[in-house]
Amino acid sequence: MEQNHLELAKQAIRAGDILTASVEATKAIEASPDDYEAYVIRGQISMAFGDKKGATDDLRRAMELNPDLLHQMNGEFKNEENGHCH
């Protein structure tokens, strides 16, 4: 069931409905508290709304659940800096 909420959050983002995306990401977290992707989505939404504490808390939790996330994000930044993939 949590995948449904996660998918609904992604669909809402694509449709530009950020409020619904936030609600669905929260429901996904409630249904599956170990789903790092839902925390990433909600953290990004929180950041867009200027909620730095909420964003930090969610993104920190996402990295706790998936430590490779930090390495993936770091790799993305390096690729953007260098203008190529490695």
Protein backbone atom coordinates (compact mmCIF):
# COMPACT_ATOMS: atom_id res chain seq x y z
CA MET A 1 0.00 0.00 0.00
CA GLU A 2 2.87 2.41 0.76
CA GLN A 3 4.07 2.13 -2.83
CA ASN A 4 0.71 3.53 -3.91
CA HIS A 5 1.22 6.61 -1.75
CA LEU A 6 4.77 6.98 -3.02
CA GLU A 7 3.61 6.72 -6.62
CA LEU A 8 0.80 9.19 -5.95
CA ALA A 9 3.36 11.61 -4.50
CA LYS A 10 5.52 11.28 -7.62
CA GLN A 11 2.52 11.77 -9.89
CA ALA A 12 1.46 14.85 -7.93
CA ILE A 13 4.96 16.32 -8.29
CA ARG A 14 4.86 15.74 -12.05
CA ALA A 15 1.44 17.45 -12.15
CA GLY A 16 2.75 20.39 -10.12
CA ASP A 17 0.50 19.60 -7.15
CA ILE A 18 3.08 19.95 -4.40
CA LEU A 19 0.58 20.01 -1.54
CA THR A 20 -0.85 16.62 -2.57
CA ALA A 21 2.68 15.31 -3.08
CA SER A 22 3.57 16.29 0.47
CA VAL A 23 0.44 14.64 1.89
CA GLU A 24 1.06 11.44 -0.07
CA ALA A 25 4.75 11.33 0.90
CA THR A 26 3.71 11.65 4.55
CA LYS A 27 1.20 8.82 4.12
CA ALA A 28 3.93 6.70 2.50
CA ILE A 29 6.20 7.33 5.50
CA GLU A 30 3.41 6.45 7.92
CA ALA A 31 2.72 3.21 6.03
CA SER A 32 6.39 2.29 5.64
CA PRO A 33 8.72 4.23 7.98
CA ASP A 34 11.81 2.58 6.46
CA ASP A 35 11.16 3.81 2.90
CA TYR A 36 14.01 6.25 2.31
CA GLU A 37 12.58 7.47 -0.99
CA ALA A 38 9.47 8.89 0.69
CA TYR A 39 11.71 10.86 3.07
CA VAL A 40 13.70 12.22 0.12
CA ILE A 41 10.54 13.38 -1.63
CA ARG A 42 9.09 14.99 1.48
CA GLY A 43 12.45 16.55 2.31
CA GLN A 44 12.70 18.11 -1.13
CA ILE A 45 9.16 19.45 -0.82
CA SER A 46 9.94 20.87 2.63
CA MET A 47 13.01 22.59 1.21
CA ALA A 48 10.94 24.10 -1.60
CA PHE A 49 8.55 25.52 1.00
CA GLY A 50 11.42 26.95 3.03
CA ASP A 51 11.03 24.45 5.88
CA LYS A 52 14.74 23.89 6.48
CA LYS A 53 14.28 21.93 9.69
CA GLY A 54 11.71 19.59 8.14
CA ALA A 55 13.89 19.14 5.07
CA THR A 56 16.99 18.46 7.15
CA ASP A 57 15.18 15.96 9.37
CA ASP A 58 13.72 14.06 6.40
CA LEU A 59 16.90 14.04 4.34
CA ARG A 60 18.96 12.98 7.35
CA ARG A 61 16.53 10.09 7.96
CA ALA A 62 16.73 9.10 4.29
CA MET A 63 20.53 8.93 4.54
CA GLU A 64 20.30 6.88 7.74
CA LEU A 65 18.05 4.39 5.95
CA ASN A 66 20.17 4.35 2.78
CA PRO A 67 23.80 5.36 3.46
CA ASP A 68 24.61 4.96 -0.24
CA LEU A 69 22.32 7.91 -0.91
CA LEU A 70 25.01 10.32 0.23
CA HIS A 71 27.52 8.76 -2.17
CA GLN A 72 24.98 8.88 -5.01
CA MET A 73 24.24 12.54 -4.33
CA ASN A 74 27.92 13.34 -4.04
CA GLY A 75 28.51 11.63 -7.39
CA GLU A 76 25.77 13.71 -8.99
CA PHE A 77 27.35 16.91 -7.72
CA LYS A 78 30.76 15.85 -8.97
CA ASN A 79 29.30 15.03 -12.38
CA GLU A 80 27.69 18.45 -12.58
CA GLU A 81 30.94 20.12 -11.50
CA ASN A 82 33.02 18.28 -14.05
CA GLY A 83 30.40 18.31 -16.78
CA HIS A 84 30.70 14.56 -17.34
CA CYS A 85 30.01 11.18 -15.81
CA HIS A 86 32.71 9.02 -14.24
